[in-house]
Amino acid sequence: MTEVSVVICARTLDRWDELKRAVGSVSTQMRAPRDIVVIAAIQQARERNRQP
């Protein structure tokens, strides 16, 4: 059987509930992934929004 990893990216915590649902959905698939990686670039997004 083939193993897969899933990457979920987020730029903001404003959608925290959706992020949790996405992780939950992926983990309950018929073929559960070997890894679930959540990448959150929150600080970088904040800094980018502050620049003129």
PDB file of N, CA and C in Angstrom:
ATOM      1  N   MET A   1       0.841  -1.179   0.000  1.00  0.00           N
ATOM      2  CA  MET A   1       0.000   0.000   0.000  1.00  0.00           C
ATOM      3  C   MET A   1       0.890   1.247   0.000  1.00  0.00           C
ATOM      4  N   THR A   2       0.453   2.258  -0.736  1.00  0.00           N
ATOM      5  CA  THR A   2       1.183   3.509  -0.837  1.00  0.00           C
ATOM      6  C   THR A   2       0.898   4.386   0.374  1.00  0.00           C
ATOM      7  N   GLU A   3       1.953   4.959   0.924  1.00  0.00           N
ATOM      8  CA  GLU A   3       1.800   5.891   2.044  1.00  0.00           C
ATOM      9  C   GLU A   3       1.871   7.310   1.516  1.00  0.00           C
ATOM     10  N   VAL A   4       1.100   8.186   2.121  1.00  0.00           N
ATOM     11  CA  VAL A   4       1.125   9.589   1.720  1.00  0.00           C
ATOM     12  C   VAL A   4       1.249  10.465   2.954  1.00  0.00           C
ATOM     13  N   SER A   5       1.769  11.651   2.737  1.00  0.00           N
ATOM     14  CA  SER A   5       1.790  12.695   3.757  1.00  0.00           C
ATOM     15  C   SER A   5       0.936  13.845   3.240  1.00  0.00           C
ATOM     16  N   VAL A   6       0.303  14.565   4.135  1.00  0.00           N
ATOM     17  CA  VAL A   6      -0.558  15.685   3.764  1.00  0.00           C
ATOM     18  C   VAL A   6      -0.002  16.946   4.402  1.00  0.00           C
ATOM     19  N   VAL A   7       0.056  18.020   3.612  1.00  0.00           N
ATOM     20  CA  VAL A   7       0.502  19.313   4.107  1.00  0.00           C
ATOM     21  C   VAL A   7      -0.676  20.275   4.025  1.00  0.00           C
ATOM     22  N   ILE A   8      -0.971  20.931   5.145  1.00  0.00           N
ATOM     23  CA  ILE A   8      -2.030  21.935   5.197  1.00  0.00           C
ATOM     24  C   ILE A   8      -1.370  23.253   5.594  1.00  0.00           C
ATOM     25  N   CYS A   9      -1.562  24.277   4.769  1.00  0.00           N
ATOM     26  CA  CYS A   9      -0.932  25.578   5.014  1.00  0.00           C
ATOM     27  C   CYS A   9      -1.956  26.583   5.537  1.00  0.00           C
ATOM     28  N   ALA A  10      -1.500  27.464   6.411  1.00  0.00           N
ATOM     29  CA  ALA A  10      -2.365  28.512   6.955  1.00  0.00           C
ATOM     30  C   ALA A  10      -1.596  29.823   7.022  1.00  0.00           C
ATOM     31  N   ARG A  11      -2.274  30.917   6.684  1.00  0.00           N
ATOM     32  CA  ARG A  11      -1.675  32.252   6.780  1.00  0.00           C
ATOM     33  C   ARG A  11      -2.203  33.019   7.966  1.00  0.00           C
ATOM     34  N   THR A  12      -3.323  32.554   8.526  1.00  0.00           N
ATOM     35  CA  THR A  12      -3.958  33.288   9.609  1.00  0.00           C
ATOM     36  C   THR A  12      -4.638  32.313  10.562  1.00  0.00           C
ATOM     37  N   LEU A  13      -4.793  32.723  11.787  1.00  0.00           N
ATOM     38  CA  LEU A  13      -5.530  31.908  12.751  1.00  0.00           C
ATOM     39  C   LEU A  13      -7.006  32.285  12.771  1.00  0.00           C
ATOM     40  N   ASP A  14      -7.415  33.215  11.898  1.00  0.00           N
ATOM     41  CA  ASP A  14      -8.807  33.628  11.831  1.00  0.00           C
ATOM     42  C   ASP A  14      -9.729  32.472  11.437  1.00  0.00           C
ATOM     43  N   ARG A  15      -9.175  31.454  10.810  1.00  0.00           N
ATOM     44  CA  ARG A  15      -9.965  30.298  10.380  1.00  0.00           C
ATOM     45  C   ARG A  15      -9.561  29.044  11.154  1.00  0.00           C
ATOM     46  N   TRP A  16      -9.325  29.210  12.431  1.00  0.00           N
ATOM     47  CA  TRP A  16      -8.857  28.120  13.286  1.00  0.00           C
ATOM     48  C   TRP A  16      -9.807  26.915  13.238  1.00  0.00           C
ATOM     49  N   ASP A  17     -11.117  27.164  13.303  1.00  0.00           N
ATOM     50  CA  ASP A  17     -12.078  26.059  13.276  1.00  0.00           C
ATOM     51  C   ASP A  17     -12.005  25.288  11.960  1.00  0.00           C
ATOM     52  N   GLU A  18     -11.855  26.001  10.848  1.00  0.00           N
ATOM     53  CA  GLU A  18     -11.730  25.339   9.554  1.00  0.00           C
ATOM     54  C   GLU A  18     -10.445  24.526   9.480  1.00  0.00           C
ATOM     55  N   LEU A  19      -9.369  25.046  10.051  1.00  0.00           N
ATOM     56  CA  LEU A  19      -8.099  24.325  10.067  1.00  0.00           C
ATOM     57  C   LEU A  19      -8.236  23.028  10.860  1.00  0.00           C
ATOM     58  N   LYS A  20      -8.886  23.083  12.009  1.00  0.00           N
ATOM     59  CA  LYS A  20      -9.100  21.875  12.812  1.00  0.00           C
ATOM     60  C   LYS A  20      -9.971  20.870  12.060  1.00  0.00           C
ATOM     61  N   ARG A  21     -10.988  21.354  11.364  1.00  0.00           N
ATOM     62  CA  ARG A  21     -11.840  20.438  10.591  1.00  0.00           C
ATOM     63  C   ARG A  21     -11.063  19.803   9.449  1.00  0.00           C
ATOM     64  N   ALA A  22     -10.184  20.564   8.814  1.00  0.00           N
ATOM     65  CA  ALA A  22      -9.372  20.019   7.717  1.00  0.00           C
ATOM     66  C   ALA A  22      -8.464  18.905   8.221  1.00  0.00           C
ATOM     67  N   VAL A  23      -7.814  19.132   9.349  1.00  0.00           N
ATOM     68  CA  VAL A  23      -6.937  18.102   9.926  1.00  0.00           C
ATOM     69  C   VAL A  23      -7.766  16.879  10.311  1.00  0.00           C
ATOM     70  N   GLY A  24      -8.917  17.104  10.924  1.00  0.00           N
ATOM     71  CA  GLY A  24      -9.776  15.986  11.306  1.00  0.00           C
ATOM     72  C   GLY A  24     -10.266  15.203  10.109  1.00  0.00           C
ATOM     73  N   SER A  25     -10.636  15.904   9.049  1.00  0.00           N
ATOM     74  CA  SER A  25     -11.110  15.243   7.846  1.00  0.00           C
ATOM     75  C   SER A  25     -10.030  14.383   7.202  1.00  0.00           C
ATOM     76  N   VAL A  26      -8.837  14.926   7.107  1.00  0.00           N
ATOM     77  CA  VAL A  26      -7.722  14.187   6.508  1.00  0.00           C
ATOM     78  C   VAL A  26      -7.402  12.938   7.332  1.00  0.00           C
ATOM     79  N   SER A  27      -7.445  13.069   8.641  1.00  0.00           N
ATOM     80  CA  SER A  27      -7.057  11.935   9.499  1.00  0.00           C
ATOM     81  C   SER A  27      -8.075  10.802   9.483  1.00  0.00           C
ATOM     82  N   THR A  28      -9.295  11.056   9.027  1.00  0.00           N
ATOM     83  CA  THR A  28     -10.313  10.003   9.015  1.00  0.00           C
ATOM     84  C   THR A  28     -10.583   9.455   7.619  1.00  0.00           C
ATOM     85  N   GLN A  29      -9.755   9.781   6.662  1.00  0.00           N
ATOM     86  CA  GLN A  29      -9.926   9.241   5.312  1.00  0.00           C
ATOM     87  C   GLN A  29      -9.752   7.727   5.315  1.00  0.00           C
ATOM     88  N   MET A  30     -10.274   7.080   4.286  1.00  0.00           N
ATOM     89  CA  MET A  30     -10.170   5.624   4.196  1.00  0.00           C
ATOM     90  C   MET A  30      -8.718   5.170   4.313  1.00  0.00           C
ATOM     91  N   ARG A  31      -7.822   5.880   3.657  1.00  0.00           N
ATOM     92  CA  ARG A  31      -6.385   5.624   3.801  1.00  0.00           C
ATOM     93  C   ARG A  31      -5.802   6.799   4.570  1.00  0.00           C
ATOM     94  N   ALA A  32      -5.693   6.647   5.856  1.00  0.00           N
ATOM     95  CA  ALA A  32      -5.157   7.725   6.693  1.00  0.00           C
ATOM     96  C   ALA A  32      -3.714   8.014   6.287  1.00  0.00           C
ATOM     97  N   PRO A  33      -3.341   9.286   6.253  1.00  0.00           N
ATOM     98  CA  PRO A  33      -1.972   9.629   5.861  1.00  0.00           C
ATOM     99  C   PRO A  33      -0.955   9.205   6.920  1.00  0.00           C
ATOM    100  N   ARG A  34       0.250   8.980   6.455  1.00  0.00           N
ATOM    101  CA  ARG A  34       1.352   8.653   7.368  1.00  0.00           C
ATOM    102  C   ARG A  34       1.660   9.854   8.252  1.00  0.00           C
ATOM    103  N   ASP A  35       1.641  11.044   7.656  1.00  0.00           N
ATOM    104  CA  ASP A  35       1.940  12.290   8.368  1.00  0.00           C
ATOM    105  C   ASP A  35       0.923  13.346   7.974  1.00  0.00           C
ATOM    106  N   ILE A  36       0.604  14.218   8.921  1.00  0.00           N
ATOM    107  CA  ILE A  36      -0.159  15.433   8.637  1.00  0.00           C
ATOM    108  C   ILE A  36       0.710  16.584   9.136  1.00  0.00           C
ATOM    109  N   VAL A  37       1.105  17.451   8.205  1.00  0.00           N
ATOM    110  CA  VAL A  37       1.973  18.573   8.537  1.00  0.00           C
ATOM    111  C   VAL A  37       1.167  19.859   8.371  1.00  0.00           C
ATOM    112  N   VAL A  38       1.123  20.669   9.417  1.00  0.00           N
ATOM    113  CA  VAL A  38       0.446  21.970   9.348  1.00  0.00           C
ATOM    114  C   VAL A  38       1.524  23.045   9.360  1.00  0.00           C
ATOM    115  N   ILE A  39       1.512  23.866   8.322  1.00  0.00           N
ATOM    116  CA  ILE A  39       2.483  24.949   8.214  1.00  0.00           C
ATOM    117  C   ILE A  39       1.734  26.260   8.434  1.00  0.00           C
ATOM    118  N   ALA A  40       2.156  27.003   9.427  1.00  0.00           N
ATOM    119  CA  ALA A  40       1.506  28.278   9.741  1.00  0.00           C
ATOM    120  C   ALA A  40       2.540  29.398   9.633  1.00  0.00           C
ATOM    121  N   ALA A  41       2.364  30.257   8.654  1.00  0.00           N
ATOM    122  CA  ALA A  41       3.274  31.386   8.435  1.00  0.00           C
ATOM    123  C   ALA A  41       2.646  32.647   9.006  1.00  0.00           C
ATOM    124  N   ILE A  42       2.177  32.554  10.228  1.00  0.00           N
ATOM    125  CA  ILE A  42       1.407  33.623  10.848  1.00  0.00           C
ATOM    126  C   ILE A  42       2.244  34.890  11.030  1.00  0.00           C
ATOM    127  N   GLN A  43       3.413  34.782  11.610  1.00  0.00           N
ATOM    128  CA  GLN A  43       4.245  35.961  11.884  1.00  0.00           C
ATOM    129  C   GLN A  43       4.646  36.655  10.593  1.00  0.00           C
ATOM    130  N   GLN A  44       5.031  35.912   9.599  1.00  0.00           N
ATOM    131  CA  GLN A  44       5.429  36.512   8.331  1.00  0.00           C
ATOM    132  C   GLN A  44       4.271  37.275   7.711  1.00  0.00           C
ATOM    133  N   ALA A  45       3.069  36.738   7.785  1.00  0.00           N
ATOM    134  CA  ALA A  45       1.909  37.415   7.215  1.00  0.00           C
ATOM    135  C   ALA A  45       1.640  38.720   7.953  1.00  0.00           C
ATOM    136  N   ARG A  46       1.782  38.714   9.260  1.00  0.00           N
ATOM    137  CA  ARG A  46       1.565  39.937  10.042  1.00  0.00           C
ATOM    138  C   ARG A  46       2.583  41.011   9.656  1.00  0.00           C
ATOM    139  N   GLU A  47       3.842  40.623   9.548  1.00  0.00           N
ATOM    140  CA  GLU A  47       4.884  41.581   9.195  1.00  0.00           C
ATOM    141  C   GLU A  47       4.656  42.140   7.793  1.00  0.00           C
ATOM    142  N   ARG A  48       4.236  41.289   6.869  1.00  0.00           N
ATOM    143  CA  ARG A  48       3.988  41.718   5.497  1.00  0.00           C
ATOM    144  C   ARG A  48       2.834  42.730   5.460  1.00  0.00           C
ATOM    145  N   ASN A  49       1.833  42.542   6.288  1.00  0.00           N
ATOM    146  CA  ASN A  49       0.683  43.455   6.311  1.00  0.00           C
ATOM    147  C   ASN A  49       1.022  44.793   6.924  1.00  0.00           C
ATOM    148  N   ARG A  50       2.045  44.882   7.743  1.00  0.00           N
ATOM    149  CA  ARG A  50       2.441  46.142   8.390  1.00  0.00           C
ATOM    150  C   ARG A  50       3.247  47.044   7.479  1.00  0.00           C
ATOM    151  N   GLN A  51       3.892  46.464   6.498  1.00  0.00           N
ATOM    152  CA  GLN A  51       4.764  47.259   5.632  1.00  0.00           C
ATOM    153  C   GLN A  51       3.946  48.135   4.712  1.00  0.00           C
ATOM    154  N   PRO A  52       4.421  49.380   4.465  1.00  0.00           N
ATOM    155  CA  PRO A  52       3.677  50.304   3.587  1.00  0.00           C
ATOM    156  C   PRO A  52       3.659  49.845   2.145  1.00  0.00           C
TER     157      PRO A  52
END
